[in-house]
Amino acid sequence: LVQPGGTLRLSCAASGSIFRIMGWYRQAQGKERELVARIFG
């Protein structure tokens, strides 16, 4: 939980494979999942 104007840092630790592309999607209540950001190899 953060106030408007605030900051957060998300982390994702991956294991078990090699990933060519990694990224973040988000899904707000009542909405479809959408791309936030991706990073390529």
PDB file of all heavy atoms in Angstrom:
ATOM      1  N   LEU A   1       0.846  -1.192   0.000  1.00  0.00           N
ATOM      2  CA  LEU A   1       0.000   0.000   0.000  1.00  0.00           C
ATOM      3  C   LEU A   1       0.879   1.238   0.000  1.00  0.00           C
ATOM      4  O   LEU A   1       1.823   1.343   0.802  1.00  0.00           O
ATOM      5  CB  LEU A   1      -0.899  -0.012   1.235  1.00  0.00           C
ATOM      6  CG  LEU A   1      -1.749   1.231   1.492  1.00  0.00           C
ATOM      7  CD1 LEU A   1      -2.770   1.420   0.374  1.00  0.00           C
ATOM      8  CD2 LEU A   1      -2.431   1.109   2.846  1.00  0.00           C
ATOM      9  N   VAL A   2       0.579   2.167  -0.883  1.00  0.00           N
ATOM     10  CA  VAL A   2       1.368   3.388  -0.980  1.00  0.00           C
ATOM     11  C   VAL A   2       0.447   4.547  -1.317  1.00  0.00           C
ATOM     12  O   VAL A   2      -0.600   4.366  -1.955  1.00  0.00           O
ATOM     13  CB  VAL A   2       2.481   3.220  -2.044  1.00  0.00           C
ATOM     14  CG1 VAL A   2       1.884   3.020  -3.425  1.00  0.00           C
ATOM     15  CG2 VAL A   2       3.452   4.369  -2.028  1.00  0.00           C
ATOM     16  N   GLN A   3       0.836   5.734  -0.896  1.00  0.00           N
ATOM     17  CA  GLN A   3       0.049   6.924  -1.195  1.00  0.00           C
ATOM     18  C   GLN A   3       0.329   7.408  -2.608  1.00  0.00           C
ATOM     19  O   GLN A   3       1.400   7.138  -3.168  1.00  0.00           O
ATOM     20  CB  GLN A   3       0.375   8.029  -0.198  1.00  0.00           C
ATOM     21  CG  GLN A   3      -0.090   7.738   1.220  1.00  0.00           C
ATOM     22  CD  GLN A   3       0.145   8.908   2.156  1.00  0.00           C
ATOM     23  OE1 GLN A   3       0.993   9.773   1.899  1.00  0.00           O
ATOM     24  NE2 GLN A   3      -0.599   8.956   3.239  1.00  0.00           N
ATOM     25  N   PRO A   4      -0.597   8.150  -3.193  1.00  0.00           N
ATOM     26  CA  PRO A   4      -0.331   8.734  -4.509  1.00  0.00           C
ATOM     27  C   PRO A   4       0.951   9.565  -4.487  1.00  0.00           C
ATOM     28  O   PRO A   4       1.225  10.288  -3.521  1.00  0.00           O
ATOM     29  CB  PRO A   4      -1.558   9.619  -4.746  1.00  0.00           C
ATOM     30  CG  PRO A   4      -2.643   8.962  -3.949  1.00  0.00           C
ATOM     31  CD  PRO A   4      -1.964   8.447  -2.717  1.00  0.00           C
ATOM     32  N   GLY A   5       1.737   9.414  -5.555  1.00  0.00           N
ATOM     33  CA  GLY A   5       3.025  10.083  -5.620  1.00  0.00           C
ATOM     34  C   GLY A   5       4.161   9.290  -5.012  1.00  0.00           C
ATOM     35  O   GLY A   5       5.334   9.673  -5.148  1.00  0.00           O
ATOM     36  N   GLY A   6       3.853   8.185  -4.379  1.00  0.00           N
ATOM     37  CA  GLY A   6       4.861   7.368  -3.720  1.00  0.00           C
ATOM     38  C   GLY A   6       5.576   6.431  -4.669  1.00  0.00           C
ATOM     39  O   GLY A   6       5.347   6.442  -5.886  1.00  0.00           O
ATOM     40  N   THR A   7       6.463   5.616  -4.087  1.00  0.00           N
ATOM     41  CA  THR A   7       7.258   4.686  -4.874  1.00  0.00           C
ATOM     42  C   THR A   7       7.168   3.283  -4.303  1.00  0.00           C
ATOM     43  O   THR A   7       6.963   3.092  -3.090  1.00  0.00           O
ATOM     44  CB  THR A   7       8.740   5.112  -4.915  1.00  0.00           C
ATOM     45  OG1 THR A   7       9.274   5.035  -3.579  1.00  0.00           O
ATOM     46  CG2 THR A   7       8.901   6.533  -5.420  1.00  0.00           C
ATOM     47  N   LEU A   8       7.332   2.309  -5.181  1.00  0.00           N
ATOM     48  CA  LEU A   8       7.461   0.908  -4.815  1.00  0.00           C
ATOM     49  C   LEU A   8       8.426   0.264  -5.791  1.00  0.00           C
ATOM     50  O   LEU A   8       8.539   0.700  -6.937  1.00  0.00           O
ATOM     51  CB  LEU A   8       6.127   0.171  -4.878  1.00  0.00           C
ATOM     52  CG  LEU A   8       5.138   0.315  -3.732  1.00  0.00           C
ATOM     53  CD1 LEU A   8       3.835  -0.408  -4.075  1.00  0.00           C
ATOM     54  CD2 LEU A   8       5.704  -0.217  -2.428  1.00  0.00           C
ATOM     55  N   ARG A   9       9.057  -0.811  -5.319  1.00  0.00           N
ATOM     56  CA  ARG A   9       9.917  -1.582  -6.187  1.00  0.00           C
ATOM     57  C   ARG A   9       9.488  -3.043  -6.106  1.00  0.00           C
ATOM     58  O   ARG A   9       9.534  -3.655  -5.041  1.00  0.00           O
ATOM     59  CB  ARG A   9      11.381  -1.444  -5.775  1.00  0.00           C
ATOM     60  CG  ARG A   9      12.363  -2.094  -6.746  1.00  0.00           C
ATOM     61  CD  ARG A   9      13.740  -2.165  -6.153  1.00  0.00           C
ATOM     62  NE  ARG A   9      14.768  -2.453  -7.130  1.00  0.00           N
ATOM     63  CZ  ARG A   9      15.921  -3.055  -6.838  1.00  0.00           C
ATOM     64  NH1 ARG A   9      16.169  -3.433  -5.593  1.00  0.00           N
ATOM     65  NH2 ARG A   9      16.806  -3.280  -7.785  1.00  0.00           N
ATOM     66  N   LEU A  10       9.116  -3.579  -7.244  1.00  0.00           N
ATOM     67  CA  LEU A  10       8.750  -4.984  -7.331  1.00  0.00           C
ATOM     68  C   LEU A  10       9.958  -5.799  -7.784  1.00  0.00           C
ATOM     69  O   LEU A  10      10.752  -5.334  -8.602  1.00  0.00           O
ATOM     70  CB  LEU A  10       7.604  -5.193  -8.308  1.00  0.00           C
ATOM     71  CG  LEU A  10       6.328  -4.384  -8.055  1.00  0.00           C
ATOM     72  CD1 LEU A  10       5.272  -4.775  -9.093  1.00  0.00           C
ATOM     73  CD2 LEU A  10       5.811  -4.579  -6.662  1.00  0.00           C
ATOM     74  N   SER A  11      10.042  -7.003  -7.255  1.00  0.00           N
ATOM     75  CA  SER A  11      11.086  -7.936  -7.664  1.00  0.00           C
ATOM     76  C   SER A  11      10.444  -9.251  -8.086  1.00  0.00           C
ATOM     77  O   SER A  11       9.400  -9.632  -7.551  1.00  0.00           O
ATOM     78  CB  SER A  11      12.058  -8.209  -6.509  1.00  0.00           C
ATOM     79  OG  SER A  11      12.688  -7.030  -6.070  1.00  0.00           O
ATOM     80  N   CYS A  12      11.090  -9.924  -9.027  1.00  0.00           N
ATOM     81  CA  CYS A  12      10.632 -11.239  -9.465  1.00  0.00           C
ATOM     82  C   CYS A  12      11.848 -12.132  -9.622  1.00  0.00           C
ATOM     83  O   CYS A  12      12.677 -11.892 -10.508  1.00  0.00           O
ATOM     84  CB  CYS A  12       9.863 -11.137 -10.761  1.00  0.00           C
ATOM     85  SG  CYS A  12       9.439 -12.741 -11.488  1.00  0.00           S
ATOM     86  N   ALA A  13      11.932 -13.130  -8.770  1.00  0.00           N
ATOM     87  CA  ALA A  13      13.027 -14.088  -8.833  1.00  0.00           C
ATOM     88  C   ALA A  13      12.590 -15.293  -9.648  1.00  0.00           C
ATOM     89  O   ALA A  13      11.598 -15.943  -9.315  1.00  0.00           O
ATOM     90  CB  ALA A  13      13.435 -14.501  -7.427  1.00  0.00           C
ATOM     91  N   ALA A  14      13.321 -15.563 -10.716  1.00  0.00           N
ATOM     92  CA  ALA A  14      12.980 -16.665 -11.617  1.00  0.00           C
ATOM     93  C   ALA A  14      13.937 -17.831 -11.414  1.00  0.00           C
ATOM     94  O   ALA A  14      15.123 -17.632 -11.124  1.00  0.00           O
ATOM     95  CB  ALA A  14      13.050 -16.190 -13.065  1.00  0.00           C
ATOM     96  N   SER A  15      13.416 -19.035 -11.577  1.00  0.00           N
ATOM     97  CA  SER A  15      14.260 -20.220 -11.461  1.00  0.00           C
ATOM     98  C   SER A  15      13.707 -21.327 -12.336  1.00  0.00           C
ATOM     99  O   SER A  15      12.542 -21.312 -12.710  1.00  0.00           O
ATOM    100  CB  SER A  15      14.328 -20.679  -9.999  1.00  0.00           C
ATOM    101  OG  SER A  15      13.043 -21.000  -9.514  1.00  0.00           O
ATOM    102  N   GLY A  16      14.569 -22.259 -12.690  1.00  0.00           N
ATOM    103  CA  GLY A  16      14.133 -23.435 -13.410  1.00  0.00           C
ATOM    104  C   GLY A  16      14.193 -23.338 -14.917  1.00  0.00           C
ATOM    105  O   GLY A  16      13.924 -24.332 -15.604  1.00  0.00           O
ATOM    106  N   SER A  17      14.520 -22.185 -15.468  1.00  0.00           N
ATOM    107  CA  SER A  17      14.607 -22.056 -16.920  1.00  0.00           C
ATOM    108  C   SER A  17      15.410 -20.810 -17.254  1.00  0.00           C
ATOM    109  O   SER A  17      15.767 -20.022 -16.378  1.00  0.00           O
ATOM    110  CB  SER A  17      13.214 -21.960 -17.534  1.00  0.00           C
ATOM    111  OG  SER A  17      13.294 -22.003 -18.944  1.00  0.00           O
ATOM    112  N   ILE A  18      15.682 -20.683 -18.543  1.00  0.00           N
ATOM    113  CA  ILE A  18      16.321 -19.474 -19.055  1.00  0.00           C
ATOM    114  C   ILE A  18      15.259 -18.675 -19.800  1.00  0.00           C
ATOM    115  O   ILE A  18      14.576 -19.210 -20.679  1.00  0.00           O
ATOM    116  CB  ILE A  18      17.487 -19.825 -19.994  1.00  0.00           C
ATOM    117  CG1 ILE A  18      18.565 -20.608 -19.224  1.00  0.00           C
ATOM    118  CG2 ILE A  18      18.078 -18.561 -20.611  1.00  0.00           C
ATOM    119  CD1 ILE A  18      19.655 -21.165 -20.110  1.00  0.00           C
ATOM    120  N   PHE A  19      15.138 -17.422 -19.451  1.00  0.00           N
ATOM    121  CA  PHE A  19      14.060 -16.597 -19.999  1.00  0.00           C
ATOM    122  C   PHE A  19      14.618 -15.565 -20.969  1.00  0.00           C
ATOM    123  O   PHE A  19      15.474 -14.757 -20.617  1.00  0.00           O
ATOM    124  CB  PHE A  19      13.299 -15.904 -18.869  1.00  0.00           C
ATOM    125  CG  PHE A  19      12.608 -16.863 -17.961  1.00  0.00           C
ATOM    126  CD1 PHE A  19      13.217 -17.315 -16.804  1.00  0.00           C
ATOM    127  CD2 PHE A  19      11.352 -17.350 -18.280  1.00  0.00           C
ATOM    128  CE1 PHE A  19      12.590 -18.219 -15.970  1.00  0.00           C
ATOM    129  CE2 PHE A  19      10.710 -18.241 -17.454  1.00  0.00           C
ATOM    130  CZ  PHE A  19      11.327 -18.684 -16.297  1.00  0.00           C
ATOM    131  N   ARG A  20      14.107 -15.608 -22.207  1.00  0.00           N
ATOM    132  CA  ARG A  20      14.533 -14.645 -23.210  1.00  0.00           C
ATOM    133  C   ARG A  20      13.918 -13.279 -22.955  1.00  0.00           C
ATOM    134  O   ARG A  20      14.531 -12.245 -23.228  1.00  0.00           O
ATOM    135  CB  ARG A  20      14.138 -15.144 -24.592  1.00  0.00           C
ATOM    136  CG  ARG A  20      14.830 -16.419 -25.027  1.00  0.00           C
ATOM    137  CD  ARG A  20      14.264 -16.934 -26.329  1.00  0.00           C
ATOM    138  NE  ARG A  20      14.229 -15.924 -27.373  1.00  0.00           N
ATOM    139  CZ  ARG A  20      13.118 -15.435 -27.897  1.00  0.00           C
ATOM    140  NH1 ARG A  20      11.949 -15.860 -27.476  1.00  0.00           N
ATOM    141  NH2 ARG A  20      13.169 -14.538 -28.850  1.00  0.00           N
ATOM    142  N   ILE A  21      12.676 -13.295 -22.495  1.00  0.00           N
ATOM    143  CA  ILE A  21      11.951 -12.063 -22.232  1.00  0.00           C
ATOM    144  C   ILE A  21      11.373 -12.169 -20.823  1.00  0.00           C
ATOM    145  O   ILE A  21      10.849 -13.209 -20.444  1.00  0.00           O
ATOM    146  CB  ILE A  21      10.794 -11.858 -23.223  1.00  0.00           C
ATOM    147  CG1 ILE A  21      11.305 -11.898 -24.661  1.00  0.00           C
ATOM    148  CG2 ILE A  21      10.066 -10.553 -22.946  1.00  0.00           C
ATOM    149  CD1 ILE A  21      10.183 -11.960 -25.696  1.00  0.00           C
ATOM    150  N   MET A  22      11.482 -11.083 -20.087  1.00  0.00           N
ATOM    151  CA  MET A  22      10.818 -11.019 -18.787  1.00  0.00           C
ATOM    152  C   MET A  22      10.082  -9.699 -18.689  1.00  0.00           C
ATOM    153  O   MET A  22      10.441  -8.724 -19.359  1.00  0.00           O
ATOM    154  CB  MET A  22      11.818 -11.162 -17.642  1.00  0.00           C
ATOM    155  CG  MET A  22      12.476 -12.533 -17.596  1.00  0.00           C
ATOM    156  SD  MET A  22      13.382 -12.832 -16.065  1.00  0.00           S
ATOM    157  CE  MET A  22      12.010 -13.136 -14.942  1.00  0.00           C
ATOM    158  N   GLY A  23       9.061  -9.678 -17.876  1.00  0.00           N
ATOM    159  CA  GLY A  23       8.302  -8.452 -17.786  1.00  0.00           C
ATOM    160  C   GLY A  23       7.265  -8.468 -16.693  1.00  0.00           C
ATOM    161  O   GLY A  23       7.221  -9.391 -15.878  1.00  0.00           O
ATOM    162  N   TRP A  24       6.452  -7.439 -16.721  1.00  0.00           N
ATOM    163  CA  TRP A  24       5.382  -7.254 -15.745  1.00  0.00           C
ATOM    164  C   TRP A  24       4.089  -6.913 -16.470  1.00  0.00           C
ATOM    165  O   TRP A  24       4.084  -6.084 -17.387  1.00  0.00           O
ATOM    166  CB  TRP A  24       5.734  -6.121 -14.780  1.00  0.00           C
ATOM    167  CG  TRP A  24       6.910  -6.425 -13.913  1.00  0.00           C
ATOM    168  CD1 TRP A  24       8.213  -6.140 -14.182  1.00  0.00           C
ATOM    169  CD2 TRP A  24       6.887  -7.100 -12.653  1.00  0.00           C
ATOM    170  NE1 TRP A  24       9.005  -6.592 -13.160  1.00  0.00           N
ATOM    171  CE2 TRP A  24       8.215  -7.174 -12.204  1.00  0.00           C
ATOM    172  CE3 TRP A  24       5.874  -7.622 -11.852  1.00  0.00           C
ATOM    173  CZ2 TRP A  24       8.558  -7.765 -10.993  1.00  0.00           C
ATOM    174  CZ3 TRP A  24       6.220  -8.205 -10.654  1.00  0.00           C
ATOM    175  CH2 TRP A  24       7.543  -8.282 -10.231  1.00  0.00           C
ATOM    176  N   TYR A  25       3.044  -7.575 -16.048  1.00  0.00           N
ATOM    177  CA  TYR A  25       1.692  -7.258 -16.464  1.00  0.00           C
ATOM    178  C   TYR A  25       0.911  -6.881 -15.214  1.00  0.00           C
ATOM    179  O   TYR A  25       1.340  -7.159 -14.097  1.00  0.00           O
ATOM    180  CB  TYR A  25       1.044  -8.465 -17.145  1.00  0.00           C
ATOM    181  CG  TYR A  25       1.487  -8.699 -18.563  1.00  0.00           C
ATOM    182  CD1 TYR A  25       2.779  -9.119 -18.848  1.00  0.00           C
ATOM    183  CD2 TYR A  25       0.613  -8.506 -19.632  1.00  0.00           C
ATOM    184  CE1 TYR A  25       3.190  -9.340 -20.153  1.00  0.00           C
ATOM    185  CE2 TYR A  25       1.015  -8.727 -20.942  1.00  0.00           C
ATOM    186  CZ  TYR A  25       2.295  -9.137 -21.186  1.00  0.00           C
ATOM    187  OH  TYR A  25       2.691  -9.355 -22.493  1.00  0.00           O
ATOM    188  N   ARG A  26      -0.238  -6.277 -15.404  1.00  0.00           N
ATOM    189  CA  ARG A  26      -1.092  -5.970 -14.264  1.00  0.00           C
ATOM    190  C   ARG A  26      -2.549  -6.157 -14.642  1.00  0.00           C
ATOM    191  O   ARG A  26      -2.911  -6.057 -15.807  1.00  0.00           O
ATOM    192  CB  ARG A  26      -0.859  -4.544 -13.754  1.00  0.00           C
ATOM    193  CG  ARG A  26      -1.284  -3.438 -14.702  1.00  0.00           C
ATOM    194  CD  ARG A  26      -0.857  -2.087 -14.141  1.00  0.00           C
ATOM    195  NE  ARG A  26      -1.269  -0.987 -15.015  1.00  0.00           N
ATOM    196  CZ  ARG A  26      -0.918   0.283 -14.829  1.00  0.00           C
ATOM    197  NH1 ARG A  26      -0.151   0.624 -13.792  1.00  0.00           N
ATOM    198  NH2 ARG A  26      -1.329   1.209 -15.660  1.00  0.00           N
ATOM    199  N   GLN A  27      -3.341  -6.406 -13.622  1.00  0.00           N
ATOM    200  CA  GLN A  27      -4.775  -6.573 -13.828  1.00  0.00           C
ATOM    201  C   GLN A  27      -5.512  -5.862 -12.710  1.00  0.00           C
ATOM    202  O   GLN A  27      -5.409  -6.260 -11.540  1.00  0.00           O
ATOM    203  CB  GLN A  27      -5.159  -8.046 -13.875  1.00  0.00           C
ATOM    204  CG  GLN A  27      -6.597  -8.286 -14.258  1.00  0.00           C
ATOM    205  CD  GLN A  27      -6.882  -9.738 -14.602  1.00  0.00           C
ATOM    206  OE1 GLN A  27      -6.120 -10.631 -14.267  1.00  0.00           O
ATOM    207  NE2 GLN A  27      -7.969  -9.975 -15.299  1.00  0.00           N
ATOM    208  N   ALA A  28      -6.218  -4.818 -13.070  1.00  0.00           N
ATOM    209  CA  ALA A  28      -7.058  -4.109 -12.120  1.00  0.00           C
ATOM    210  C   ALA A  28      -8.405  -4.813 -12.028  1.00  0.00           C
ATOM    211  O   ALA A  28      -8.823  -5.531 -12.949  1.00  0.00           O
ATOM    212  CB  ALA A  28      -7.233  -2.666 -12.569  1.00  0.00           C
ATOM    213  N   GLN A  29      -9.073  -4.583 -10.940  1.00  0.00           N
ATOM    214  CA  GLN A  29     -10.361  -5.238 -10.717  1.00  0.00           C
ATOM    215  C   GLN A  29     -11.333  -4.876 -11.836  1.00  0.00           C
ATOM    216  O   GLN A  29     -11.511  -3.699 -12.173  1.00  0.00           O
ATOM    217  CB  GLN A  29     -10.931  -4.823  -9.371  1.00  0.00           C
ATOM    218  CG  GLN A  29     -12.066  -5.695  -8.890  1.00  0.00           C
ATOM    219  CD  GLN A  29     -12.392  -5.475  -7.437  1.00  0.00           C
ATOM    220  OE1 GLN A  29     -11.832  -4.579  -6.789  1.00  0.00           O
ATOM    221  NE2 GLN A  29     -13.283  -6.283  -6.891  1.00  0.00           N
ATOM    222  N   GLY A  30     -11.920  -5.898 -12.441  1.00  0.00           N
ATOM    223  CA  GLY A  30     -12.891  -5.688 -13.494  1.00  0.00           C
ATOM    224  C   GLY A  30     -12.312  -5.381 -14.855  1.00  0.00           C
ATOM    225  O   GLY A  30     -13.052  -5.094 -15.804  1.00  0.00           O
ATOM    226  N   LYS A  31     -10.983  -5.436 -14.972  1.00  0.00           N
ATOM    227  CA  LYS A  31     -10.330  -5.120 -16.246  1.00  0.00           C
ATOM    228  C   LYS A  31      -9.484  -6.292 -16.709  1.00  0.00           C
ATOM    229  O   LYS A  31      -9.175  -7.199 -15.948  1.00  0.00           O
ATOM    230  CB  LYS A  31      -9.470  -3.868 -16.103  1.00  0.00           C
ATOM    231  CG  LYS A  31     -10.265  -2.611 -15.799  1.00  0.00           C
ATOM    232  CD  LYS A  31      -9.382  -1.382 -15.860  1.00  0.00           C
ATOM    233  CE  LYS A  31     -10.185  -0.120 -15.622  1.00  0.00           C
ATOM    234  NZ  LYS A  31      -9.325   1.102 -15.688  1.00  0.00           N
ATOM    235  N   GLU A  32      -9.097  -6.250 -17.971  1.00  0.00           N
ATOM    236  CA  GLU A  32      -8.251  -7.294 -18.522  1.00  0.00           C
ATOM    237  C   GLU A  32      -6.791  -7.065 -18.108  1.00  0.00           C
ATOM    238  O   GLU A  32      -6.383  -5.936 -17.812  1.00  0.00           O
ATOM    239  CB  GLU A  32      -8.364  -7.313 -20.044  1.00  0.00           C
ATOM    240  CG  GLU A  32      -9.735  -7.727 -20.544  1.00  0.00           C
ATOM    241  CD  GLU A  32      -9.767  -7.899 -22.052  1.00  0.00           C
ATOM    242  OE1 GLU A  32      -8.766  -7.576 -22.707  1.00  0.00           O
ATOM    243  OE2 GLU A  32     -10.796  -8.364 -22.558  1.00  0.00           O
ATOM    244  N   ARG A  33      -6.042  -8.161 -18.123  1.00  0.00           N
ATOM    245  CA  ARG A  33      -4.616  -8.053 -17.835  1.00  0.00           C
ATOM    246  C   ARG A  33      -3.926  -7.269 -18.953  1.00  0.00           C
ATOM    247  O   ARG A  33      -4.213  -7.483 -20.133  1.00  0.00           O
ATOM    248  CB  ARG A  33      -4.001  -9.452 -17.711  1.00  0.00           C
ATOM    249  CG  ARG A  33      -2.594  -9.463 -17.158  1.00  0.00           C
ATOM    250  CD  ARG A  33      -2.100 -10.883 -16.920  1.00  0.00           C
ATOM    251  NE  ARG A  33      -2.893 -11.568 -15.896  1.00  0.00           N
ATOM    252  CZ  ARG A  33      -2.556 -12.741 -15.375  1.00  0.00           C
ATOM    253  NH1 ARG A  33      -1.419 -13.344 -15.769  1.00  0.00           N
ATOM    254  NH2 ARG A  33      -3.313 -13.311 -14.467  1.00  0.00           N
ATOM    255  N   GLU A  34      -3.025  -6.374 -18.590  1.00  0.00           N
ATOM    256  CA  GLU A  34      -2.357  -5.533 -19.575  1.00  0.00           C
ATOM    257  C   GLU A  34      -0.856  -5.502 -19.324  1.00  0.00           C
ATOM    258  O   GLU A  34      -0.393  -5.618 -18.188  1.00  0.00           O
ATOM    259  CB  GLU A  34      -2.899  -4.095 -19.519  1.00  0.00           C
ATOM    260  CG  GLU A  34      -2.656  -3.378 -18.203  1.00  0.00           C
ATOM    261  CD  GLU A  34      -3.117  -1.927 -18.213  1.00  0.00           C
ATOM    262  OE1 GLU A  34      -3.666  -1.466 -19.227  1.00  0.00           O
ATOM    263  OE2 GLU A  34      -2.925  -1.254 -17.182  1.00  0.00           O
ATOM    264  N   LEU A  35      -0.127  -5.301 -20.407  1.00  0.00           N
ATOM    265  CA  LEU A  35       1.326  -5.186 -20.313  1.00  0.00           C
ATOM    266  C   LEU A  35       1.699  -3.891 -19.605  1.00  0.00           C
ATOM    267  O   LEU A  35       1.156  -2.825 -19.910  1.00  0.00           O
ATOM    268  CB  LEU A  35       1.945  -5.201 -21.706  1.00  0.00           C
ATOM    269  CG  LEU A  35       3.435  -4.885 -21.779  1.00  0.00           C
ATOM    270  CD1 LEU A  35       4.251  -6.014 -21.157  1.00  0.00           C
ATOM    271  CD2 LEU A  35       3.860  -4.636 -23.219  1.00  0.00           C
ATOM    272  N   VAL A  36       2.663  -3.982 -18.693  1.00  0.00           N
ATOM    273  CA  VAL A  36       3.235  -2.798 -18.058  1.00  0.00           C
ATOM    274  C   VAL A  36       4.603  -2.506 -18.664  1.00  0.00           C
ATOM    275  O   VAL A  36       4.863  -1.405 -19.144  1.00  0.00           O
ATOM    276  CB  VAL A  36       3.370  -3.004 -16.536  1.00  0.00           C
ATOM    277  CG1 VAL A  36       4.045  -1.785 -15.900  1.00  0.00           C
ATOM    278  CG2 VAL A  36       2.011  -3.261 -15.910  1.00  0.00           C
ATOM    279  N   ALA A  37       5.478  -3.505 -18.656  1.00  0.00           N
ATOM    280  CA  ALA A  37       6.827  -3.314 -19.186  1.00  0.00           C
ATOM    281  C   ALA A  37       7.458  -4.673 -19.460  1.00  0.00           C
ATOM    282  O   ALA A  37       7.141  -5.662 -18.783  1.00  0.00           O
ATOM    283  CB  ALA A  37       7.696  -2.536 -18.194  1.00  0.00           C
ATOM    284  N   ARG A  38       8.344  -4.707 -20.468  1.00  0.00           N
ATOM    285  CA  ARG A  38       9.086  -5.922 -20.798  1.00  0.00           C
ATOM    286  C   ARG A  38      10.550  -5.570 -21.026  1.00  0.00           C
ATOM    287  O   ARG A  38      10.868  -4.461 -21.453  1.00  0.00           O
ATOM    288  CB  ARG A  38       8.545  -6.578 -22.072  1.00  0.00           C
ATOM    289  CG  ARG A  38       7.185  -7.173 -21.955  1.00  0.00           C
ATOM    290  CD  ARG A  38       6.782  -7.875 -23.243  1.00  0.00           C
ATOM    291  NE  ARG A  38       6.699  -6.945 -24.364  1.00  0.00           N
ATOM    292  CZ  ARG A  38       6.294  -7.295 -25.574  1.00  0.00           C
ATOM    293  NH1 ARG A  38       5.974  -8.559 -25.819  1.00  0.00           N
ATOM    294  NH2 ARG A  38       6.231  -6.411 -26.535  1.00  0.00           N
ATOM    295  N   ILE A  39      11.397  -6.540 -20.758  1.00  0.00           N
ATOM    296  CA  ILE A  39      12.814  -6.379 -21.042  1.00  0.00           C
ATOM    297  C   ILE A  39      13.296  -7.612 -21.774  1.00  0.00           C
ATOM    298  O   ILE A  39      13.006  -8.755 -21.384  1.00  0.00           O
ATOM    299  CB  ILE A  39      13.627  -6.107 -19.755  1.00  0.00           C
ATOM    300  CG1 ILE A  39      15.088  -5.823 -20.089  1.00  0.00           C
ATOM    301  CG2 ILE A  39      13.498  -7.243 -18.743  1.00  0.00           C
ATOM    302  CD1 ILE A  39      15.861  -5.192 -18.924  1.00  0.00           C
ATOM    303  N   PHE A  40      14.035  -7.389 -22.861  1.00  0.00           N
ATOM    304  CA  PHE A  40      14.479  -8.472 -23.717  1.00  0.00           C
ATOM    305  C   PHE A  40      15.917  -8.853 -23.356  1.00  0.00           C
ATOM    306  O   PHE A  40      16.610  -8.124 -22.646  1.00  0.00           O
ATOM    307  CB  PHE A  40      14.357  -8.045 -25.176  1.00  0.00           C
ATOM    308  CG  PHE A  40      12.942  -7.758 -25.582  1.00  0.00           C
ATOM    309  CD1 PHE A  40      12.362  -6.522 -25.317  1.00  0.00           C
ATOM    310  CD2 PHE A  40      12.164  -8.726 -26.193  1.00  0.00           C
ATOM    311  CE1 PHE A  40      11.054  -6.257 -25.674  1.00  0.00           C
ATOM    312  CE2 PHE A  40      10.852  -8.479 -26.552  1.00  0.00           C
ATOM    313  CZ  PHE A  40      10.289  -7.234 -26.296  1.00  0.00           C
ATOM    314  N   GLY A  41      16.351  -9.976 -23.906  1.00  0.00           N
ATOM    315  CA  GLY A  41      17.657 -10.506 -23.526  1.00  0.00           C
ATOM    316  C   GLY A  41      18.800  -9.546 -23.750  1.00  0.00           C
ATOM    317  O   GLY A  41      19.741  -9.498 -22.958  1.00  0.00           O
TER     318      GLY A  41
END
